[in-house]
Amino acid sequence: MVSTNLPARNSASSYDGVTIFFHWLTAVLVVALFGSSYWWNALPGGTPMRKWLQAFHVSLGILIVVVFLARVLWRAIKGRKLPAANKGHAHLATRTVHVLLYALLTVQIVLGFLLRWAQAEEFEFFGLFAVPSLFAQDKPLAKIYEALHNYTGWAIVILAGGHAIAALVHHYVLRDGVLRRMLPGGTEVTAAE
């Protein structure tokens, strides 16, 4: 049972606001990027909505590059470091998932740029500016990059889904406060004894 007493959040037991913001913004962007690509692939080719979703996806892809780099920089320089929430095999699993998520996001960003450049198309950021193509069109290479980009996207979503399920298990089954470390807001809910 969850207590209705809402004590002030202990800053030593939760991440700082910037880290929390970057975490949830990254999660929203990953879902939006995956959803937009999944949706446009379900639409017939050449439709205006398909073209809009592709442009939206590219713009979000540029945005996630900025957010991801800012997140890594913040984590390295200023972000609050917390003690491990788990020990032993659970800690190893947690670290492995985090490292894999960062690695997969890095690979996905690189593949997105390589794919767009192999297609010899600019990247437009919500119509505000464009990143020019650096290479001549290479359709066979673009197909390889597209397949790798798709597989990596699925791997990110599956791994992030497992990460979310683990956080919910910690919160609702184990009741150990792990999820609260990454929740926004100034209060935390404590589990009743």
Foldseek 3Di string as FASTA:
>chain_A
DWDPDWDFDDPQLAKDPLLLVLVVVLVVLLCLLVVLVVVLVVDDPPDPSSVVSVLVNLLSLVVSVVSLVVNVVCVVPPIDDHPQLDDDPVSVVVVVLVVLLNVLNVLLSVLVLVLCLLCQHWRANVPPDTHGRDHDHDVVVSVVSVVVNVVSSVVNVVSVVVVVVVLVCCVPPVQSCPVVNSDDDGTDIHHDD
